[in-house]
Amino acid sequence: MKLVKSLLLGSAAGLIAVGGAQAADLPVKAKAVEYVKICSLYGAGFYYIPGTDTCIKLSGYARADAVLGGANDYGFNNSQATANGGSNNRLTNYYYTRARMDLNVDTRTATEYGVVRTYADMIFSYDTGNITGSSPATFAAGGATLGLYHAFIQFAGFTMGRTVSIFDAPWQSYNAGGPDTVPGGSNHVTGVNQFAYTADFGQGITGSLALESPDTQSNGQGNLWNVNGFAASGSVSATTGLPTITSATTAAAAALIQGQYGVNAWGGTRSPDIVGALRVDQAWGLGQISVAAHDLHPGYYGTTEPTGHPSDKWGWAVQGALSIKNIPTGAGDSINLNAVYTDGMSRENFQVLFPQQFAMFSGSGVGAYQSIGFAGIADGVFGAGGSIETVKTWGVRGGYTHNWNPYWSSGLYGGYAQLSYTSNAKALICGNFTAAFGTATATCNPDFAFGVIGVNTNWTPVKNLAFTADLSWTRLDQKYSGTITAPATAIWAKPGAVYELKDQNSLTLLLRANRTF
C-alpha cells in the first residue's frame, strides 16, 4: 500500500508540474491596439503619431500641365544656353508637358515654451525635354527631377531652414495666377535657406528679420559680370565701321546675342542677405513693406590673386505689397498689388524663376535674315581696374480675382519691369559690342523693359479638384537698334547672317488639372 500511495502522489506531483509549465506557456493578454487619434489642436487633417504627443498632417497635390507656345517653367518663349524656345525653328518645342507630385509633411508638438513645428515640402516632377543644337541634337532640361522647396523648424518665433523669403509678398509672383516668369517683384517660391525671427505685436501686426543665404536660390545669385575677362579682341575698320573678325570676336559676339555680357565673377560668400519686413493683416486685407541688403563680393580682375579685385559693394531692394479682400464685385474677390525698386539686387524684381539671360527670334521688317531681341540681367558690372557698377531696376505687378460662383473663378494679372545700366557699365558692355559688331549699322544700349499680361479661368467641379486655362502675352522692349552681322549659333541652329535688332513678343496657353489633398 505504501508503494501504491507513493506512486499516486508522485504522479499527481508530476501532473501539477506539467500543468504549471503549460500554464506558463500560455500567451499573455495583448495590450489594446492604440488607434490613430484625431488632433484638433491645429486644425483639420492633423493626427497624433501613435505613442507620442506630436501631431502630424500629410497634404499636397497631383498636377498635370500642358503648355502651347511657352517654355522654362511655363513662362514666355525664349532661348537660353540649355533651352531652345525663342529661336522659333524646327528645334523649338511648341508643346510642353509636366506631371508633378507635391508632398507636404507638417508636425506640431505643444511644449512649455510654445509649439514646436517642422515642415517639409517635396516636389517630384517629370518634364518635357528641350532640344539644343542640331546634327546631332542635344536633349536637355527634361526627365524626372526632385525638389525640396521647404524644410524648416519653427520655435518661439524663430524659423530655421529653407522656405520662402520674408521679402516676398504672400502670393509671391502669382497675384492672380499666371506663369512663373512675371516680373515686377520677388518670388522665392522654391525656397531660400535662412534664419529668421518674427515678432507678433498684436492687432494683426508682425515684424520679421532674416539672414538669408544668397547662394541657395533656385538659380543661384544674379550675374556679376567681369567684362574684362570677356573682351573681344580685334580691330574695327575706320572705313566701314565693322570689326575685323577673329575667333575671339566670334566667341564674344555669340555670347552677347545670348544676353551674356561678361564672365560671371562672384567670389565666395562673405555675408548673408539681410532682410526685414513689416506686415499688417486685417479683415480688409494686408499691407507689407520689405527691405533687403545684398553683399556683392567679386572675385578677381583676372584668373589669379595677383591680378587684384574690386572692392565689395552692397546692393539693396525695397518692396511694397497690398491686398484688398472682399471687394464689392463679389464674395471672395481680391486685388493683389506690389511694387519694387532695386539697386544691385536685380533678382528681387526679375525673380529667381525668370531667366537671367535670354534671346528671342522672329521675322524681320527690314530685309534681314531674321530679327533678334536679347537681354541680360545682372546685379553689377566691372572691368579691369574698375569698381562695381550696380544695376538698377524697378517694377510693378498686380492681379484681380473674381468668383463667378462656387465653381467658377477668373483672374486678370500683369507685370512690368525696367532694367538700367549706369553710363560706365554701358560703356564697358558696349565696348565689347562695338568690337564684335561695329557701329556702322547698330546702336548699343543694354537697357530693356519687359511686360506680361494674362487672363485665366478656373473650374472646380468638386472640392479640391480644379481645371485651369491661362493665356498670357509677353513683350521684350529691348533698346538696341539697327542690324548686326551675327555669327552662327550652334545651340539654336542659327546661321551666321544679318539680323535686325527688334522688340519681341510671345503668347502662351497653359492648361492644368490639379487635385489637392
Protein backbone atom coordinates (compact mmCIF):
# COMPACT_ATOMS: atom_id res chain seq x y z
CA MET A 1 0.00 0.00 0.00
CA LYS A 2 2.83 2.35 0.80
CA LEU A 3 4.30 1.68 -2.65
CA VAL A 4 0.96 2.37 -4.36
CA LYS A 5 0.47 5.53 -2.30
CA SER A 6 3.91 6.80 -3.25
CA LEU A 7 3.28 6.17 -6.94
CA LEU A 8 -0.04 8.06 -6.82
CA LEU A 9 1.50 11.04 -5.03
CA GLY A 10 4.40 11.12 -7.46
CA SER A 11 2.08 11.03 -10.46
CA ALA A 12 0.00 13.87 -9.02
CA ALA A 13 3.09 15.96 -8.41
CA GLY A 14 4.24 15.32 -11.99
CA LEU A 15 0.86 16.34 -13.38
CA ILE A 16 0.91 19.52 -11.31
CA ALA A 17 4.41 20.33 -12.59
CA VAL A 18 3.44 19.73 -16.22
CA GLY A 19 0.26 21.74 -15.75
CA GLY A 20 2.30 24.62 -14.29
CA ALA A 21 4.67 24.53 -17.21
CA GLN A 22 1.80 24.56 -19.68
CA ALA A 23 0.18 27.45 -17.81
CA ALA A 24 3.42 29.40 -18.06
CA ASP A 25 3.45 28.85 -21.83
CA LEU A 26 0.00 30.33 -22.34
CA PRO A 27 0.08 33.70 -24.25
CA VAL A 28 -0.10 36.85 -22.17
CA LYS A 29 -3.13 39.04 -22.94
CA ALA A 30 -2.06 41.66 -25.56
CA LYS A 31 -2.31 45.38 -24.89
CA ALA A 32 -5.20 47.17 -26.51
CA VAL A 33 -4.42 48.46 -30.01
CA GLU A 34 -3.63 52.18 -29.93
CA TYR A 35 -5.58 53.54 -32.87
CA VAL A 36 -4.57 56.82 -34.53
CA LYS A 37 -6.38 59.66 -32.79
CA ILE A 38 -7.52 62.95 -34.30
CA CYS A 39 -5.56 66.01 -33.15
CA SER A 40 -7.89 69.00 -33.09
CA LEU A 41 -5.36 71.49 -31.70
CA TYR A 42 -4.02 72.73 -35.05
CA GLY A 43 -6.93 72.43 -37.45
CA ALA A 44 -8.34 69.79 -39.75
CA GLY A 45 -6.19 66.94 -41.02
CA PHE A 46 -3.88 66.52 -38.00
CA TYR A 47 -3.48 63.19 -36.17
CA TYR A 48 -1.41 62.11 -33.20
CA ILE A 49 1.60 59.99 -34.09
CA PRO A 50 0.87 56.78 -32.09
CA GLY A 51 2.67 56.71 -28.79
CA THR A 52 3.62 60.40 -28.88
CA ASP A 53 2.16 63.83 -28.17
CA THR A 54 3.21 65.05 -31.65
CA CYS A 55 0.56 65.80 -34.27
CA ILE A 56 1.20 65.26 -37.99
CA LYS A 57 -0.55 66.26 -41.20
CA LEU A 58 0.16 64.96 -44.69
CA SER A 59 -1.04 67.03 -47.65
CA GLY A 60 -0.07 68.02 -51.17
CA TYR A 61 -1.30 67.82 -54.74
CA ALA A 62 -1.03 65.94 -58.02
CA ARG A 63 -0.87 68.07 -61.15
CA ALA A 64 -0.82 67.71 -64.93
CA ASP A 65 0.20 70.63 -67.17
CA ALA A 66 0.18 71.12 -70.91
CA VAL A 67 1.55 74.32 -72.49
CA LEU A 68 1.29 75.69 -76.00
CA GLY A 69 3.94 78.24 -77.01
CA GLY A 70 5.76 78.50 -73.67
CA ALA A 71 8.84 77.08 -72.02
CA ASN A 72 11.05 77.23 -68.96
CA ASP A 73 8.63 76.83 -66.05
CA TYR A 74 5.76 77.80 -68.35
CA GLY A 75 6.82 81.35 -68.91
CA PHE A 76 7.43 83.14 -72.20
CA ASN A 77 9.01 81.55 -75.26
CA ASN A 78 12.75 82.22 -75.05
CA SER A 79 16.09 80.61 -75.77
CA GLN A 80 18.93 80.07 -73.32
CA ALA A 81 22.11 78.01 -73.38
CA THR A 82 20.15 74.91 -72.28
CA ALA A 83 16.72 75.67 -73.76
CA ASN A 84 15.69 76.25 -77.35
CA GLY A 85 12.42 78.13 -77.12
CA GLY A 86 12.64 81.54 -78.70
CA SER A 87 14.62 80.52 -81.78
CA ASN A 88 11.32 79.58 -83.47
CA ASN A 89 12.77 76.89 -85.71
CA ARG A 90 12.42 73.13 -86.08
CA LEU A 91 14.26 72.56 -82.78
CA THR A 92 11.70 74.56 -80.80
CA ASN A 93 9.10 72.71 -78.75
CA TYR A 94 5.72 74.32 -79.31
CA TYR A 95 4.11 71.86 -76.89
CA TYR A 96 5.35 71.20 -73.34
CA THR A 97 4.06 68.91 -70.61
CA ARG A 98 4.70 68.38 -66.92
CA ALA A 99 3.48 65.82 -64.38
CA ARG A 100 4.07 66.75 -60.74
CA MET A 101 3.50 65.31 -57.29
CA ASP A 102 3.85 67.54 -54.22
CA LEU A 103 4.04 66.10 -50.68
CA ASN A 104 3.87 68.24 -47.52
CA VAL A 105 4.72 66.92 -44.04
CA ASP A 106 3.68 69.18 -41.13
CA THR A 107 4.28 68.24 -37.47
CA ARG A 108 3.36 70.18 -34.29
CA THR A 109 4.26 69.50 -30.64
CA ALA A 110 3.00 71.57 -27.71
CA THR A 111 5.71 72.38 -25.14
CA GLU A 112 6.05 74.63 -22.13
CA TYR A 113 7.86 77.08 -24.44
CA GLY A 114 5.20 77.03 -27.13
CA VAL A 115 4.54 74.94 -30.22
CA VAL A 116 7.50 73.29 -31.99
CA ARG A 117 6.76 72.90 -35.68
CA THR A 118 8.61 71.16 -38.51
CA TYR A 119 7.56 71.41 -42.14
CA ALA A 120 8.83 69.93 -45.40
CA ASP A 121 7.61 70.32 -48.98
CA MET A 122 8.98 67.84 -51.52
CA ILE A 123 8.36 68.16 -55.26
CA PHE A 124 8.59 65.31 -57.77
CA SER A 125 8.27 66.34 -61.44
CA TYR A 126 8.61 64.92 -64.91
CA ASP A 127 9.05 67.50 -67.69
CA THR A 128 9.24 67.65 -71.44
CA GLY A 129 12.86 68.00 -72.53
CA ASN A 130 14.34 70.81 -74.61
CA ILE A 131 16.48 70.39 -77.70
CA THR A 132 19.60 72.43 -78.40
CA GLY A 133 21.87 72.29 -81.41
CA SER A 134 21.44 70.05 -84.44
CA SER A 135 23.32 67.28 -86.25
CA PRO A 136 23.27 65.77 -83.71
CA ALA A 137 20.71 67.39 -81.41
CA THR A 138 21.21 67.53 -77.65
CA PHE A 139 18.37 66.93 -75.22
CA ALA A 140 18.39 68.96 -72.01
CA ALA A 141 16.31 70.07 -69.02
CA GLY A 142 13.81 67.19 -69.23
CA GLY A 143 13.02 63.99 -67.37
CA ALA A 144 12.42 63.38 -63.68
CA THR A 145 13.52 65.93 -61.07
CA LEU A 146 13.29 66.15 -57.30
CA GLY A 147 12.97 69.44 -55.45
CA LEU A 148 12.95 70.49 -51.81
CA TYR A 149 11.09 73.79 -51.54
CA HIS A 150 10.62 73.88 -47.77
CA ALA A 151 12.41 72.19 -44.86
CA PHE A 152 12.33 74.20 -41.65
CA ILE A 153 11.85 74.21 -37.89
CA GLN A 154 9.76 76.87 -36.15
CA PHE A 155 10.04 77.57 -32.43
CA ALA A 156 9.34 80.63 -30.25
CA GLY A 157 9.09 82.96 -33.26
CA PHE A 158 12.21 81.60 -35.00
CA THR A 159 12.21 79.93 -38.42
CA MET A 160 15.34 77.92 -39.21
CA GLY A 161 15.85 76.15 -42.54
CA ARG A 162 14.53 76.55 -46.07
CA THR A 163 11.33 78.37 -47.01
CA VAL A 164 10.12 81.43 -48.93
CA SER A 165 11.82 84.75 -48.24
CA ILE A 166 10.17 87.20 -45.87
CA PHE A 167 10.86 89.78 -48.61
CA ASP A 168 8.15 88.15 -50.77
CA ALA A 169 4.54 89.19 -50.88
CA PRO A 170 2.37 86.29 -49.57
CA TRP A 171 1.36 85.44 -53.16
CA GLN A 172 4.97 85.55 -54.49
CA SER A 173 4.59 86.40 -58.22
CA TYR A 174 1.10 84.89 -58.59
CA ASN A 175 -1.04 87.96 -57.91
CA ALA A 176 -3.95 86.24 -59.68
CA GLY A 177 -2.33 83.10 -61.04
CA GLY A 178 -0.19 83.23 -64.16
CA PRO A 179 3.17 81.79 -65.25
CA ASP A 180 6.35 81.62 -63.16
CA THR A 181 8.04 84.41 -65.10
CA VAL A 182 6.02 87.54 -64.32
CA PRO A 183 8.47 90.36 -63.39
CA GLY A 184 7.79 93.30 -61.10
CA GLY A 185 8.67 91.80 -57.71
CA SER A 186 10.32 88.98 -55.84
CA ASN A 187 9.45 85.28 -55.90
CA HIS A 188 11.32 82.72 -53.79
CA VAL A 189 8.61 80.07 -54.08
CA THR A 190 11.31 77.38 -54.45
CA GLY A 191 12.77 78.38 -51.09
CA VAL A 192 15.89 80.03 -49.70
CA ASN A 193 17.97 78.89 -46.71
CA GLN A 194 17.55 81.28 -43.81
CA PHE A 195 17.47 82.02 -40.10
CA ALA A 196 14.53 84.33 -39.32
CA TYR A 197 12.63 85.76 -36.37
CA THR A 198 9.05 87.09 -36.42
CA ALA A 199 7.60 89.22 -33.62
CA ASP A 200 3.82 89.50 -33.16
CA PHE A 201 2.83 92.98 -31.97
CA GLY A 202 -0.89 92.20 -31.81
CA GLN A 203 -3.78 93.62 -33.86
CA GLY A 204 -2.52 91.65 -36.86
CA ILE A 205 0.84 93.49 -36.95
CA THR A 206 4.04 91.46 -37.28
CA GLY A 207 7.68 92.30 -37.91
CA SER A 208 10.31 89.90 -39.29
CA LEU A 209 14.07 89.93 -39.62
CA ALA A 210 16.04 87.27 -41.51
CA LEU A 211 19.55 86.30 -42.55
CA GLU A 212 19.18 84.55 -45.90
CA SER A 213 21.77 82.66 -47.89
CA PRO A 214 22.41 84.41 -51.23
CA ASP A 215 23.63 81.23 -52.95
CA THR A 216 20.72 78.87 -52.29
CA GLN A 217 18.08 80.45 -54.50
CA SER A 218 16.58 78.42 -57.32
CA ASN A 219 19.08 79.54 -59.94
CA GLY A 220 21.85 80.87 -57.68
CA GLN A 221 22.77 84.54 -57.38
CA GLY A 222 22.21 87.15 -60.06
CA ASN A 223 25.01 87.82 -62.55
CA LEU A 224 28.07 89.84 -61.55
CA TRP A 225 29.83 90.43 -64.84
CA ASN A 226 33.54 90.99 -65.37
CA VAL A 227 33.63 92.39 -68.91
CA ASN A 228 37.43 92.37 -68.95
CA GLY A 229 37.56 88.60 -68.94
CA PHE A 230 35.10 88.62 -71.80
CA ALA A 231 36.62 91.34 -74.04
CA ALA A 232 36.53 90.68 -77.76
CA SER A 233 39.87 91.17 -79.45
CA GLY A 234 40.13 92.60 -82.92
CA SER A 235 40.19 95.99 -84.59
CA VAL A 236 37.38 98.00 -86.16
CA SER A 237 37.76 99.23 -89.74
CA ALA A 238 37.91 103.03 -89.98
CA THR A 239 36.27 102.84 -93.41
CA THR A 240 33.30 100.53 -92.79
CA GLY A 241 32.99 100.69 -89.01
CA LEU A 242 32.81 96.88 -89.00
CA PRO A 243 35.08 94.70 -86.85
CA THR A 244 37.94 92.61 -88.12
CA ILE A 245 36.73 89.09 -87.43
CA THR A 246 38.85 86.85 -85.18
CA SER A 247 37.99 83.71 -83.22
CA ALA A 248 37.78 85.79 -80.02
CA THR A 249 35.44 88.26 -81.72
CA THR A 250 33.21 85.45 -82.91
CA ALA A 251 33.02 83.89 -79.44
CA ALA A 252 32.20 87.23 -77.84
CA ALA A 253 29.54 88.02 -80.45
CA ALA A 254 27.88 84.62 -79.95
CA ALA A 255 27.76 85.19 -76.19
CA LEU A 256 26.48 88.76 -76.49
CA ILE A 257 23.42 87.76 -78.51
CA GLN A 258 22.63 85.25 -75.74
CA GLY A 259 22.43 88.16 -73.29
CA GLN A 260 25.75 87.25 -71.63
CA TYR A 261 27.71 90.47 -71.18
CA GLY A 262 30.74 89.17 -69.28
CA VAL A 263 32.22 86.39 -67.22
CA ASN A 264 30.23 85.71 -64.04
CA ALA A 265 32.76 86.80 -61.42
CA TRP A 266 31.36 86.13 -57.95
CA GLY A 267 33.74 85.39 -55.14
CA GLY A 268 32.84 83.27 -52.14
CA THR A 269 30.05 84.42 -49.83
CA ARG A 270 31.08 86.84 -47.07
CA SER A 271 27.70 87.83 -45.67
CA PRO A 272 24.12 86.58 -45.80
CA ASP A 273 21.44 88.76 -47.29
CA ILE A 274 19.87 90.89 -44.56
CA VAL A 275 16.08 91.08 -44.94
CA GLY A 276 13.35 92.78 -42.94
CA ALA A 277 9.57 93.07 -43.31
CA LEU A 278 6.71 94.79 -41.52
CA ARG A 279 3.21 93.42 -42.18
CA VAL A 280 -0.36 94.12 -41.10
CA ASP A 281 -3.18 91.59 -41.59
CA GLN A 282 -6.76 92.78 -41.17
CA ALA A 283 -10.23 91.76 -42.32
CA TRP A 284 -9.93 94.15 -45.28
CA GLY A 285 -6.68 92.55 -46.49
CA LEU A 286 -3.00 93.11 -45.78
CA GLY A 287 -0.14 95.53 -46.32
CA GLN A 288 3.58 94.79 -46.26
CA ILE A 289 6.86 96.70 -46.62
CA SER A 290 10.05 94.69 -47.22
CA VAL A 291 13.70 95.72 -47.42
CA ALA A 292 16.82 93.71 -48.24
CA ALA A 293 20.60 94.21 -48.46
CA HIS A 294 22.94 92.02 -50.52
CA ASP A 295 26.77 91.92 -50.46
CA LEU A 296 28.33 91.98 -53.93
CA HIS A 297 31.61 90.17 -53.28
CA PRO A 298 33.57 89.79 -56.55
CA GLY A 299 36.43 87.52 -57.48
CA TYR A 300 39.50 88.80 -59.34
CA TYR A 301 40.05 91.02 -62.36
CA GLY A 302 41.93 88.14 -63.92
CA THR A 303 42.15 84.46 -63.06
CA THR A 304 44.60 84.60 -60.14
CA GLU A 305 45.11 86.56 -56.91
CA PRO A 306 47.88 88.93 -58.13
CA THR A 307 45.51 90.48 -60.70
CA GLY A 308 43.64 92.21 -57.88
CA HIS A 309 39.93 92.69 -57.37
CA PRO A 310 37.25 95.38 -56.97
CA SER A 311 36.02 96.29 -53.52
CA ASP A 312 32.73 94.86 -52.28
CA LYS A 313 29.54 96.85 -52.70
CA TRP A 314 26.17 96.44 -51.05
CA GLY A 315 23.09 96.15 -53.19
CA TRP A 316 19.63 96.73 -51.80
CA ALA A 317 15.94 96.40 -52.60
CA VAL A 318 12.63 97.69 -51.23
CA GLN A 319 9.16 96.32 -51.97
CA GLY A 320 5.61 97.26 -51.03
CA ALA A 321 2.63 94.89 -51.23
CA LEU A 322 -1.09 95.47 -50.78
CA SER A 323 -4.03 93.05 -50.83
CA ILE A 324 -7.67 94.17 -50.72
CA LYS A 325 -10.17 91.41 -49.97
CA ASN A 326 -13.94 91.01 -50.35
CA ILE A 327 -14.31 93.95 -52.69
CA PRO A 328 -17.83 94.93 -53.90
CA THR A 329 -17.59 92.89 -57.11
CA GLY A 330 -18.28 89.66 -55.22
CA ALA A 331 -17.64 87.49 -52.18
CA GLY A 332 -14.05 86.28 -52.07
CA ASP A 333 -12.88 88.67 -54.81
CA SER A 334 -9.47 90.25 -54.24
CA ILE A 335 -6.90 92.64 -55.67
CA ASN A 336 -3.17 92.00 -55.07
CA LEU A 337 -0.60 94.69 -55.91
CA ASN A 338 3.12 95.17 -55.36
CA ALA A 339 5.92 97.47 -56.50
CA VAL A 340 9.69 97.10 -56.15
CA TYR A 341 12.91 99.08 -56.64
CA THR A 342 16.37 97.50 -56.63
CA ASP A 343 19.96 98.72 -56.83
CA GLY A 344 22.46 95.88 -57.15
CA MET A 345 19.85 93.23 -56.24
CA SER A 346 18.02 92.63 -59.52
CA ARG A 347 16.60 89.22 -58.63
CA GLU A 348 14.11 90.84 -56.29
CA ASN A 349 12.49 92.25 -59.45
CA PHE A 350 13.37 89.77 -62.21
CA GLN A 351 12.84 86.92 -59.77
CA VAL A 352 14.60 83.57 -59.46
CA LEU A 353 12.31 81.80 -61.95
CA PHE A 354 12.94 84.48 -64.58
CA PRO A 355 15.83 83.62 -66.98
CA GLN A 356 18.86 85.79 -66.27
CA GLN A 357 19.99 85.98 -69.91
CA PHE A 358 17.98 85.02 -72.97
CA ALA A 359 17.23 85.68 -76.64
CA MET A 360 14.11 85.64 -78.83
CA PHE A 361 13.91 85.45 -82.64
CA SER A 362 11.19 86.35 -85.15
CA GLY A 363 10.81 87.77 -88.67
CA SER A 364 12.48 90.95 -89.86
CA GLY A 365 10.85 94.03 -91.30
CA VAL A 366 13.99 95.48 -92.90
CA GLY A 367 15.01 92.58 -95.14
CA ALA A 368 17.50 90.97 -92.75
CA TYR A 369 17.60 87.18 -92.39
CA GLN A 370 15.56 87.39 -89.15
CA SER A 371 15.17 89.67 -86.14
CA ILE A 372 16.53 89.09 -82.65
CA GLY A 373 15.94 90.58 -79.22
CA PHE A 374 18.18 89.68 -76.28
CA ALA A 375 18.58 90.78 -72.67
CA GLY A 376 20.98 90.23 -69.81
CA ILE A 377 20.20 90.79 -66.11
CA ALA A 378 22.91 91.45 -63.52
CA ASP A 379 23.47 92.83 -60.06
CA GLY A 380 26.67 94.57 -61.13
CA VAL A 381 29.32 95.05 -63.83
CA PHE A 382 33.05 95.79 -63.60
CA GLY A 383 36.10 95.99 -65.84
CA ALA A 384 39.87 95.87 -65.42
CA GLY A 385 40.97 98.06 -62.50
CA GLY A 386 37.48 99.47 -62.01
CA SER A 387 34.84 99.30 -59.31
CA ILE A 388 31.47 97.54 -59.40
CA GLU A 389 28.76 99.44 -61.27
CA THR A 390 25.46 98.36 -59.67
CA VAL A 391 22.44 97.73 -61.91
CA LYS A 392 19.15 99.47 -61.10
CA THR A 393 15.63 98.14 -61.74
CA TRP A 394 12.03 98.95 -60.90
CA GLY A 395 8.80 97.08 -61.44
CA VAL A 396 5.10 96.76 -60.66
CA ARG A 397 2.79 93.77 -60.60
CA GLY A 398 -0.92 93.29 -59.99
CA GLY A 399 -3.80 90.86 -60.18
CA TYR A 400 -7.59 90.75 -59.77
CA THR A 401 -9.51 87.56 -58.93
CA HIS A 402 -13.28 87.31 -59.39
CA ASN A 403 -15.50 84.44 -58.22
CA TRP A 404 -18.48 83.97 -60.54
CA ASN A 405 -20.00 81.28 -58.31
CA PRO A 406 -18.68 78.49 -56.05
CA TYR A 407 -17.48 76.55 -59.10
CA TRP A 408 -16.05 79.17 -61.47
CA SER A 409 -13.48 81.95 -60.99
CA SER A 410 -11.30 84.12 -63.23
CA GLY A 411 -8.12 86.11 -62.81
CA LEU A 412 -6.61 89.07 -64.63
CA TYR A 413 -2.93 89.84 -63.98
CA GLY A 414 0.05 91.76 -65.32
CA GLY A 415 3.61 92.78 -64.55
CA TYR A 416 6.09 95.32 -65.91
CA ALA A 417 9.76 95.93 -65.08
CA GLN A 418 12.64 98.04 -66.39
CA LEU A 419 16.40 97.50 -66.01
CA SER A 420 19.03 100.22 -66.42
CA TYR A 421 22.81 100.03 -66.51
CA THR A 422 24.90 103.02 -65.42
CA SER A 423 26.76 105.07 -68.02
CA ASN A 424 30.05 103.41 -67.05
CA ALA A 425 28.53 99.93 -67.21
CA LYS A 426 27.08 100.66 -70.65
CA ALA A 427 30.48 101.85 -71.82
CA LEU A 428 32.06 98.59 -70.67
CA ILE A 429 29.41 96.38 -72.29
CA CYS A 430 29.20 98.44 -75.47
CA GLY A 431 32.97 98.34 -75.85
CA ASN A 432 32.66 94.60 -76.39
CA PHE A 433 29.56 95.10 -78.55
CA THR A 434 31.40 97.52 -80.84
CA ALA A 435 34.41 95.21 -81.11
CA ALA A 436 32.10 92.37 -82.08
CA PHE A 437 29.58 94.12 -84.37
CA GLY A 438 30.88 97.60 -85.16
CA THR A 439 28.96 100.87 -85.10
CA ALA A 440 28.11 101.36 -88.76
CA THR A 441 24.74 99.60 -88.65
CA ALA A 442 23.85 99.20 -84.97
CA THR A 443 23.42 101.23 -81.78
CA CYS A 444 24.29 99.63 -78.45
CA ASN A 445 22.11 100.02 -75.35
CA PRO A 446 21.76 97.01 -72.99
CA ASP A 447 18.83 98.54 -71.05
CA PHE A 448 15.46 96.87 -71.55
CA ALA A 449 11.89 96.60 -70.28
CA PHE A 450 9.71 93.52 -70.02
CA GLY A 451 5.95 93.22 -69.65
CA VAL A 452 3.39 90.44 -69.15
CA ILE A 453 -0.41 90.49 -69.20
CA GLY A 454 -2.70 87.50 -68.86
CA VAL A 455 -6.12 86.08 -68.01
CA ASN A 456 -7.23 82.73 -66.63
CA THR A 457 -10.39 80.81 -65.79
CA ASN A 458 -10.71 78.08 -63.15
CA TRP A 459 -13.41 75.42 -62.86
CA THR A 460 -13.78 73.47 -59.61
CA PRO A 461 -16.46 70.82 -60.26
CA VAL A 462 -15.83 69.11 -56.91
CA LYS A 463 -13.92 70.11 -53.82
CA ASN A 464 -10.10 70.14 -54.23
CA LEU A 465 -10.18 69.39 -57.97
CA ALA A 466 -9.54 72.32 -60.33
CA PHE A 467 -9.11 72.74 -64.08
CA THR A 468 -7.37 75.91 -65.32
CA ALA A 469 -6.84 77.62 -68.67
CA ASP A 470 -4.32 80.52 -68.54
CA LEU A 471 -3.42 82.72 -71.52
CA SER A 472 -0.50 85.18 -71.23
CA TRP A 473 1.20 87.62 -73.61
CA THR A 474 4.73 88.94 -73.06
CA ARG A 475 6.81 91.64 -74.69
CA LEU A 476 10.56 92.29 -74.61
CA ASP A 477 11.20 96.01 -75.19
CA GLN A 478 14.93 96.00 -75.93
CA LYS A 479 16.88 99.21 -76.55
CA TYR A 480 19.36 98.03 -79.18
CA SER A 481 18.63 99.24 -82.73
CA GLY A 482 19.80 98.66 -86.28
CA THR A 483 21.25 95.46 -87.69
CA ILE A 484 24.21 93.24 -86.81
CA THR A 485 26.10 90.52 -88.61
CA ALA A 486 25.95 87.74 -86.06
CA PRO A 487 28.00 84.55 -86.15
CA ALA A 488 26.42 81.11 -86.36
CA THR A 489 24.97 79.99 -83.03
CA ALA A 490 25.17 76.22 -82.78
CA ILE A 491 22.96 75.74 -79.72
CA TRP A 492 19.98 77.24 -81.57
CA ALA A 493 20.98 76.09 -85.08
CA LYS A 494 21.05 79.71 -86.27
CA PRO A 495 23.26 80.60 -89.22
CA GLY A 496 25.73 83.43 -89.45
CA ALA A 497 23.71 86.23 -91.07
CA VAL A 498 22.42 89.79 -90.80
CA TYR A 499 19.83 90.14 -88.02
CA GLU A 500 17.60 93.09 -87.18
CA LEU A 501 17.68 94.21 -83.53
CA LYS A 502 13.98 94.30 -82.69
CA ASP A 503 11.44 94.00 -79.85
CA GLN A 504 9.92 90.53 -79.43
CA ASN A 505 6.56 89.07 -78.37
CA SER A 506 5.35 85.73 -77.11
CA LEU A 507 1.93 84.11 -76.50
CA THR A 508 1.50 81.16 -74.11
CA LEU A 509 -1.51 78.98 -73.19
CA LEU A 510 -1.37 76.82 -70.06
CA LEU A 511 -3.88 74.01 -69.45
CA ARG A 512 -3.77 72.49 -65.95
CA ALA A 513 -5.54 69.81 -63.91
CA ASN A 514 -4.81 69.98 -60.17
CA ARG A 515 -6.00 67.66 -57.39
CA THR A 516 -5.24 68.84 -53.85
CA PHE A 517 -5.35 66.51 -50.86
